[in-house]
Structure formats: C-alpha cells, structure tokens
C-alpha cells in the first residue's frame, strides 16, 4: 500500500492549517506525526484517511499498482481517534459485528476473540454507553488494529488509558501492526517510540499561521 500526498494543503475559512505537503507513505513503515497541540496533526491524519478533501493538491491511494478510488478508500484504511465515536446504543458484541459488515478481521480472529483481546469479554452484552472511557478506547483500538486492512491510523491512541492500558496498547501494536502502513498522531513519546519515521507537521505550516 502506498499513499502519495502531492502539494496538499487544508484551509478553514481564510486560515491555512497545513500547506505544501509532499510525502509518500509506504507499507511496512510506522510513521509518527508530531507537533504541539493544535498544530494540525489530526487534520493531517484526516487527509491521509480520505475523510477530508484537501483544499489544494491531492492525496492518492495505491494498492500495488492499482489506484484506490475515493469512494473505496474506507475499505483499505482503519482508524481510531478520540473524535470518532462508537455507537453508544450497541452492545460491545453488536459493535464488533457491525464493524465486520464494513471490514473483516485479520485471518483467524473471530468476534469473541476481539472481545478477549480488548479485555472486554465479561462486558460483551453491555451497551457501549455504559463503558468507561478506557473501555471505549480499548474497543476503538482493537477494531482498528484487528481489521484486515493495509493501512492503520491512530490519533492520540493512549487517550483515557491508564498505565496498564498503555502497556496493553503497545503490545497490541507489536502483535498485530506488523507489515502494514501505520501512522500515529501524537506528542507523547510513549505512543510512537516504535515508529521508524517521523513527520513534523510544523514543517507544513504557512508563514502566517
């Protein structure tokens, strides 16, 4: 999988958030998107996810030599972020089955195993709205990393996780992220220490930002 970003920028009203992004992201690499709060890390990830169209330039997705059409980008990317919500009225197991209608899980992983990996096995029939913030985050991360897709995007992945939860997250990445294109938006080293490539979003700021 390859994502090519050419001359891309994003503007809200009259303010440029990011400009002149020229990058190629490739499979088998883990990229850390770095910058202070409010610098545009989440905007960068939304562009990479295809959830947001650039104001200028382009973002192209290539699966091998084949270009992935914009309407099908969702099928090759999974994402976990604080601003992406779960369906609160679903039970955890219903949420997992619903997710499966869009993205299958990695070979050999069944719905009940997702519960186990997320450490939510006793709570499979509990509605998501009754989960703690940490439980919700473990479910989000599990759905993203266990999806059988070539690209995984994680924005502030240890949000609402305690120390034990951080260790769980790092083990989840170590166990299931290998060989894929992984992008982590963060300003906490514990979240991205394993990344072999760093992207500083401040290098894409306009002189007036």
C-alpha atoms as a PDB file:
ATOM      1  CA  UNK A   1       0.000   0.000   0.000  1.00  0.00           C
ATOM      2  CA  UNK A   2       1.244   3.477  -0.851  1.00  0.00           C
ATOM      3  CA  UNK A   3      -0.242   6.905  -0.101  1.00  0.00           C
ATOM      4  CA  UNK A   4       1.078   9.777  -2.196  1.00  0.00           C
ATOM      5  CA  UNK A   5       0.436  13.323  -0.985  1.00  0.00           C
ATOM      6  CA  UNK A   6       1.231  15.951  -3.629  1.00  0.00           C
ATOM      7  CA  UNK A   7       1.154  19.680  -2.918  1.00  0.00           C
ATOM      8  CA  UNK A   8      -1.663  19.178  -0.440  1.00  0.00           C
ATOM      9  CA  UNK A   9      -2.949  21.798   1.962  1.00  0.00           C
ATOM     10  CA  UNK A  10      -6.004  22.387   4.100  1.00  0.00           C
ATOM     11  CA  UNK A  11      -7.694  25.696   4.785  1.00  0.00           C
ATOM     12  CA  UNK A  12     -10.587  26.533   7.101  1.00  0.00           C
ATOM     13  CA  UNK A  13     -12.275  29.777   6.047  1.00  0.00           C
ATOM     14  CA  UNK A  14      -9.272  32.061   5.433  1.00  0.00           C
ATOM     15  CA  UNK A  15      -6.754  30.277   7.631  1.00  0.00           C
ATOM     16  CA  UNK A  16      -4.332  27.704   6.292  1.00  0.00           C
ATOM     17  CA  UNK A  17      -3.859  24.830   8.740  1.00  0.00           C
ATOM     18  CA  UNK A  18      -1.370  22.896   6.600  1.00  0.00           C
ATOM     19  CA  UNK A  19       0.308  23.703   3.295  1.00  0.00           C
ATOM     20  CA  UNK A  20       2.662  22.200   0.719  1.00  0.00           C
ATOM     21  CA  UNK A  21       2.613  18.599   1.929  1.00  0.00           C
ATOM     22  CA  UNK A  22       4.644  16.390  -0.398  1.00  0.00           C
ATOM     23  CA  UNK A  23       5.113  12.913   1.040  1.00  0.00           C
ATOM     24  CA  UNK A  24       4.887   9.249   0.151  1.00  0.00           C
ATOM     25  CA  UNK A  25       3.862   6.813   2.879  1.00  0.00           C
ATOM     26  CA  UNK A  26       4.653   3.145   2.287  1.00  0.00           C
ATOM     27  CA  UNK A  27       3.659  -0.198   3.759  1.00  0.00           C
ATOM     28  CA  UNK A  28       5.897  -1.848   6.356  1.00  0.00           C
ATOM     29  CA  UNK A  29       6.698   1.537   7.895  1.00  0.00           C
ATOM     30  CA  UNK A  30       5.366   3.173  11.058  1.00  0.00           C
ATOM     31  CA  UNK A  31       5.108   6.964  10.859  1.00  0.00           C
ATOM     32  CA  UNK A  32       4.839   9.287  13.858  1.00  0.00           C
ATOM     33  CA  UNK A  33       3.044  12.556  13.069  1.00  0.00           C
ATOM     34  CA  UNK A  34       4.432  15.017  15.583  1.00  0.00           C
ATOM     35  CA  UNK A  35       3.632  18.553  16.686  1.00  0.00           C
ATOM     36  CA  UNK A  36       2.221  20.528  19.612  1.00  0.00           C
ATOM     37  CA  UNK A  37      -1.488  20.592  20.396  1.00  0.00           C
ATOM     38  CA  UNK A  38      -3.429  22.479  17.757  1.00  0.00           C
ATOM     39  CA  UNK A  39      -0.664  22.219  15.176  1.00  0.00           C
ATOM     40  CA  UNK A  40      -2.662  20.162  12.660  1.00  0.00           C
ATOM     41  CA  UNK A  41      -1.820  16.541  13.466  1.00  0.00           C
ATOM     42  CA  UNK A  42      -5.458  15.453  13.367  1.00  0.00           C
ATOM     43  CA  UNK A  43      -6.043  17.398  10.157  1.00  0.00           C
ATOM     44  CA  UNK A  44      -3.073  15.586   8.614  1.00  0.00           C
ATOM     45  CA  UNK A  45      -4.482  12.204   9.636  1.00  0.00           C
ATOM     46  CA  UNK A  46      -7.933  13.095   8.294  1.00  0.00           C
ATOM     47  CA  UNK A  47      -6.354  13.938   4.934  1.00  0.00           C
ATOM     48  CA  UNK A  48      -4.441  10.656   4.940  1.00  0.00           C
ATOM     49  CA  UNK A  49      -7.621   8.781   5.860  1.00  0.00           C
ATOM     50  CA  UNK A  50      -9.534  10.253   2.940  1.00  0.00           C
ATOM     51  CA  UNK A  51     -12.092  11.619   5.413  1.00  0.00           C
ATOM     52  CA  UNK A  52     -11.270  15.169   4.385  1.00  0.00           C
ATOM     53  CA  UNK A  53     -10.568  16.564   0.939  1.00  0.00           C
ATOM     54  CA  UNK A  54      -7.506  18.816   0.642  1.00  0.00           C
ATOM     55  CA  UNK A  55      -8.114  22.459  -0.254  1.00  0.00           C
ATOM     56  CA  UNK A  56      -5.212  22.240  -2.682  1.00  0.00           C
ATOM     57  CA  UNK A  57      -3.196  19.376  -4.121  1.00  0.00           C
ATOM     58  CA  UNK A  58      -4.106  15.701  -3.953  1.00  0.00           C
ATOM     59  CA  UNK A  59      -3.939  12.540  -1.873  1.00  0.00           C
ATOM     60  CA  UNK A  60      -3.779   9.308  -3.879  1.00  0.00           C
ATOM     61  CA  UNK A  61      -4.033   5.756  -2.618  1.00  0.00           C
ATOM     62  CA  UNK A  62      -2.300   2.891  -4.416  1.00  0.00           C
ATOM     63  CA  UNK A  63      -2.810  -0.779  -3.601  1.00  0.00           C
ATOM     64  CA  UNK A  64       0.085  -2.277  -5.511  1.00  0.00           C
ATOM     65  CA  UNK A  65      -0.120  -0.608  -8.915  1.00  0.00           C
ATOM     66  CA  UNK A  66      -3.871  -0.091  -8.668  1.00  0.00           C
ATOM     67  CA  UNK A  67      -5.275   3.311  -7.698  1.00  0.00           C
ATOM     68  CA  UNK A  68      -7.947   3.059  -4.996  1.00  0.00           C
ATOM     69  CA  UNK A  69     -10.943   5.238  -5.862  1.00  0.00           C
ATOM     70  CA  UNK A  70     -12.015   7.831  -3.292  1.00  0.00           C
ATOM     71  CA  UNK A  71     -15.307   6.040  -2.586  1.00  0.00           C
ATOM     72  CA  UNK A  72     -13.440   2.817  -1.751  1.00  0.00           C
ATOM     73  CA  UNK A  73     -10.675   4.241   0.442  1.00  0.00           C
ATOM     74  CA  UNK A  74     -12.605   3.234   3.579  1.00  0.00           C
ATOM     75  CA  UNK A  75     -12.095  -0.423   2.655  1.00  0.00           C
ATOM     76  CA  UNK A  76      -8.291  -0.222   2.939  1.00  0.00           C
ATOM     77  CA  UNK A  77      -7.976   2.032   5.998  1.00  0.00           C
ATOM     78  CA  UNK A  78      -8.976   1.697   9.634  1.00  0.00           C
ATOM     79  CA  UNK A  79      -8.706   4.499  12.159  1.00  0.00           C
ATOM     80  CA  UNK A  80      -9.055   5.116  15.884  1.00  0.00           C
ATOM     81  CA  UNK A  81      -9.278   8.661  17.248  1.00  0.00           C
ATOM     82  CA  UNK A  82     -10.880  10.479  20.199  1.00  0.00           C
ATOM     83  CA  UNK A  83     -13.257  12.328  17.839  1.00  0.00           C
ATOM     84  CA  UNK A  84     -14.504   9.133  16.125  1.00  0.00           C
ATOM     85  CA  UNK A  85     -17.376   7.806  18.187  1.00  0.00           C
ATOM     86  CA  UNK A  86     -18.682   4.308  18.767  1.00  0.00           C
ATOM     87  CA  UNK A  87     -22.423   3.634  18.518  1.00  0.00           C
ATOM     88  CA  UNK A  88     -23.446   4.063  22.137  1.00  0.00           C
ATOM     89  CA  UNK A  89     -26.718   2.098  21.866  1.00  0.00           C
ATOM     90  CA  UNK A  90     -24.945  -1.057  20.657  1.00  0.00           C
ATOM     91  CA  UNK A  91     -23.547  -3.657  22.978  1.00  0.00           C
ATOM     92  CA  UNK A  92     -19.829  -4.321  22.561  1.00  0.00           C
ATOM     93  CA  UNK A  93     -20.572  -7.514  20.618  1.00  0.00           C
ATOM     94  CA  UNK A  94     -23.093  -5.726  18.390  1.00  0.00           C
ATOM     95  CA  UNK A  95     -20.490  -3.021  17.711  1.00  0.00           C
ATOM     96  CA  UNK A  96     -17.974  -5.674  16.680  1.00  0.00           C
ATOM     97  CA  UNK A  97     -20.453  -7.414  14.361  1.00  0.00           C
ATOM     98  CA  UNK A  98     -21.476  -4.070  12.848  1.00  0.00           C
ATOM     99  CA  UNK A  99     -17.810  -3.241  12.206  1.00  0.00           C
ATOM    100  CA  UNK A 100     -17.435  -6.590  10.444  1.00  0.00           C
ATOM    101  CA  UNK A 101     -20.048  -5.593   7.863  1.00  0.00           C
ATOM    102  CA  UNK A 102     -17.559  -2.999   6.594  1.00  0.00           C
ATOM    103  CA  UNK A 103     -14.198  -4.550   7.433  1.00  0.00           C
ATOM    104  CA  UNK A 104     -13.358  -8.154   8.148  1.00  0.00           C
ATOM    105  CA  UNK A 105     -10.878  -9.002  10.867  1.00  0.00           C
ATOM    106  CA  UNK A 106      -7.396 -10.413  10.420  1.00  0.00           C
ATOM    107  CA  UNK A 107      -7.324 -14.098   9.437  1.00  0.00           C
ATOM    108  CA  UNK A 108      -8.260 -16.406  12.290  1.00  0.00           C
ATOM    109  CA  UNK A 109      -9.765 -13.711  14.519  1.00  0.00           C
ATOM    110  CA  UNK A 110     -13.427 -14.101  15.424  1.00  0.00           C
ATOM    111  CA  UNK A 111     -15.780 -11.628  17.086  1.00  0.00           C
ATOM    112  CA  UNK A 112     -15.494 -13.227  20.530  1.00  0.00           C
ATOM    113  CA  UNK A 113     -11.699 -13.059  20.251  1.00  0.00           C
ATOM    114  CA  UNK A 114     -11.890  -9.315  19.633  1.00  0.00           C
ATOM    115  CA  UNK A 115     -13.660  -9.035  22.990  1.00  0.00           C
ATOM    116  CA  UNK A 116     -10.914 -11.062  24.632  1.00  0.00           C
ATOM    117  CA  UNK A 117      -8.105  -9.049  23.037  1.00  0.00           C
ATOM    118  CA  UNK A 118      -9.819  -5.794  24.075  1.00  0.00           C
ATOM    119  CA  UNK A 119     -10.167  -7.201  27.610  1.00  0.00           C
ATOM    120  CA  UNK A 120     -13.928  -6.771  27.383  1.00  0.00           C
ATOM    121  CA  UNK A 121     -15.040 -10.401  27.441  1.00  0.00           C
ATOM    122  CA  UNK A 122     -17.202 -10.036  30.585  1.00  0.00           C
ATOM    123  CA  UNK A 123     -18.872  -6.957  29.086  1.00  0.00           C
ATOM    124  CA  UNK A 124     -19.836  -8.191  25.626  1.00  0.00           C
ATOM    125  CA  UNK A 125     -23.567  -7.739  26.257  1.00  0.00           C
ATOM    126  CA  UNK A 126     -23.199  -4.369  27.953  1.00  0.00           C
ATOM    127  CA  UNK A 127     -24.161  -1.259  25.970  1.00  0.00           C
ATOM    128  CA  UNK A 128     -21.200   0.858  24.931  1.00  0.00           C
ATOM    129  CA  UNK A 129     -22.735   3.949  26.561  1.00  0.00           C
ATOM    130  CA  UNK A 130     -22.198   2.253  29.931  1.00  0.00           C
ATOM    131  CA  UNK A 131     -18.480   1.709  29.300  1.00  0.00           C
ATOM    132  CA  UNK A 132     -15.768   3.740  30.965  1.00  0.00           C
ATOM    133  CA  UNK A 133     -13.668   5.975  28.712  1.00  0.00           C
ATOM    134  CA  UNK A 134     -10.808   3.488  28.945  1.00  0.00           C
ATOM    135  CA  UNK A 135     -13.022   0.570  27.888  1.00  0.00           C
ATOM    136  CA  UNK A 136     -14.248   2.552  24.884  1.00  0.00           C
ATOM    137  CA  UNK A 137     -10.674   3.353  23.896  1.00  0.00           C
ATOM    138  CA  UNK A 138      -9.609  -0.291  24.082  1.00  0.00           C
ATOM    139  CA  UNK A 139     -12.554  -1.215  21.848  1.00  0.00           C
ATOM    140  CA  UNK A 140     -11.688   1.525  19.326  1.00  0.00           C
ATOM    141  CA  UNK A 141      -8.041   0.482  19.155  1.00  0.00           C
ATOM    142  CA  UNK A 142      -8.927  -3.204  18.867  1.00  0.00           C
ATOM    143  CA  UNK A 143     -11.348  -2.591  15.997  1.00  0.00           C
ATOM    144  CA  UNK A 144      -8.723  -0.524  14.173  1.00  0.00           C
ATOM    145  CA  UNK A 145      -5.720  -2.791  14.641  1.00  0.00           C
ATOM    146  CA  UNK A 146      -7.553  -6.079  14.197  1.00  0.00           C
ATOM    147  CA  UNK A 147      -9.159  -5.033  10.902  1.00  0.00           C
ATOM    148  CA  UNK A 148      -7.723  -6.788   7.859  1.00  0.00           C
ATOM    149  CA  UNK A 149      -6.640  -3.599   6.065  1.00  0.00           C
ATOM    150  CA  UNK A 150      -3.226  -2.441   4.804  1.00  0.00           C
ATOM    151  CA  UNK A 151      -3.375   0.994   6.500  1.00  0.00           C
ATOM    152  CA  UNK A 152      -3.981   1.756  10.198  1.00  0.00           C
ATOM    153  CA  UNK A 153      -4.223   5.318  11.528  1.00  0.00           C
ATOM    154  CA  UNK A 154      -4.132   6.072  15.249  1.00  0.00           C
ATOM    155  CA  UNK A 155      -4.658   9.569  16.649  1.00  0.00           C
ATOM    156  CA  UNK A 156      -3.668  10.078  20.290  1.00  0.00           C
ATOM    157  CA  UNK A 157      -4.011   6.327  20.915  1.00  0.00           C
ATOM    158  CA  UNK A 158      -3.467   6.264  24.686  1.00  0.00           C
ATOM    159  CA  UNK A 159      -6.188   8.824  25.400  1.00  0.00           C
ATOM    160  CA  UNK A 160      -8.097   7.655  28.528  1.00  0.00           C
ATOM    161  CA  UNK A 161      -5.778   4.677  29.091  1.00  0.00           C
ATOM    162  CA  UNK A 162      -4.063   4.139  32.438  1.00  0.00           C
ATOM    163  CA  UNK A 163      -0.530   2.785  32.749  1.00  0.00           C
ATOM    164  CA  UNK A 164      -1.695  -0.805  32.324  1.00  0.00           C
ATOM    165  CA  UNK A 165      -3.743   0.275  29.321  1.00  0.00           C
ATOM    166  CA  UNK A 166      -0.692   1.897  27.724  1.00  0.00           C
ATOM    167  CA  UNK A 167       1.219  -1.372  28.067  1.00  0.00           C
ATOM    168  CA  UNK A 168      -1.768  -3.172  26.525  1.00  0.00           C
ATOM    169  CA  UNK A 169      -1.752  -0.739  23.574  1.00  0.00           C
ATOM    170  CA  UNK A 170       1.965  -1.206  22.935  1.00  0.00           C
ATOM    171  CA  UNK A 171       1.549  -4.981  22.964  1.00  0.00           C
ATOM    172  CA  UNK A 172      -1.449  -4.722  20.598  1.00  0.00           C
ATOM    173  CA  UNK A 173       0.657  -2.751  18.106  1.00  0.00           C
ATOM    174  CA  UNK A 174       3.616  -5.106  18.457  1.00  0.00           C
ATOM    175  CA  UNK A 175       1.420  -8.159  17.902  1.00  0.00           C
ATOM    176  CA  UNK A 176      -0.882  -7.018  15.095  1.00  0.00           C
ATOM    177  CA  UNK A 177       0.521  -3.992  13.240  1.00  0.00           C
ATOM    178  CA  UNK A 178       3.499  -5.627  11.541  1.00  0.00           C
ATOM    179  CA  UNK A 179       3.887  -5.332   7.762  1.00  0.00           C
ATOM    180  CA  UNK A 180       1.246  -2.646   7.384  1.00  0.00           C
ATOM    181  CA  UNK A 181       1.362   1.112   6.904  1.00  0.00           C
ATOM    182  CA  UNK A 182       0.889   2.545  10.393  1.00  0.00           C
ATOM    183  CA  UNK A 183       0.520   6.265  11.159  1.00  0.00           C
ATOM    184  CA  UNK A 184       0.376   7.559  14.747  1.00  0.00           C
ATOM    185  CA  UNK A 185      -0.546  11.163  15.546  1.00  0.00           C
ATOM    186  CA  UNK A 186       0.910  12.107  18.914  1.00  0.00           C
ATOM    187  CA  UNK A 187       3.038  14.362  21.054  1.00  0.00           C
ATOM    188  CA  UNK A 188       3.687  11.657  23.663  1.00  0.00           C
ATOM    189  CA  UNK A 189       6.778   9.564  23.022  1.00  0.00           C
ATOM    190  CA  UNK A 190       5.246   6.528  24.705  1.00  0.00           C
ATOM    191  CA  UNK A 191       2.664   6.384  21.893  1.00  0.00           C
ATOM    192  CA  UNK A 192       5.094   6.411  18.972  1.00  0.00           C
ATOM    193  CA  UNK A 193       8.516   5.230  20.231  1.00  0.00           C
ATOM    194  CA  UNK A 194       8.311   2.201  17.910  1.00  0.00           C
ATOM    195  CA  UNK A 195       7.861   4.362  14.766  1.00  0.00           C
ATOM    196  CA  UNK A 196      10.764   4.327  12.314  1.00  0.00           C
ATOM    197  CA  UNK A 197       9.748   7.550  10.514  1.00  0.00           C
ATOM    198  CA  UNK A 198       8.879  10.968  11.963  1.00  0.00           C
ATOM    199  CA  UNK A 199       6.781  13.694  10.284  1.00  0.00           C
ATOM    200  CA  UNK A 200       6.811  17.168  11.846  1.00  0.00           C
ATOM    201  CA  UNK A 201       3.576  18.952  10.916  1.00  0.00           C
ATOM    202  CA  UNK A 202       5.171  22.282  11.806  1.00  0.00           C
ATOM    203  CA  UNK A 203       7.092  21.996   8.548  1.00  0.00           C
ATOM    204  CA  UNK A 204       3.753  22.281   6.741  1.00  0.00           C
ATOM    205  CA  UNK A 205       2.619  25.477   8.468  1.00  0.00           C
ATOM    206  CA  UNK A 206       2.193  28.681   6.492  1.00  0.00           C
ATOM    207  CA  UNK A 207       4.268  31.682   7.471  1.00  0.00           C
ATOM    208  CA  UNK A 208       1.096  33.435   8.674  1.00  0.00           C
ATOM    209  CA  UNK A 209      -0.228  30.513  10.757  1.00  0.00           C
END
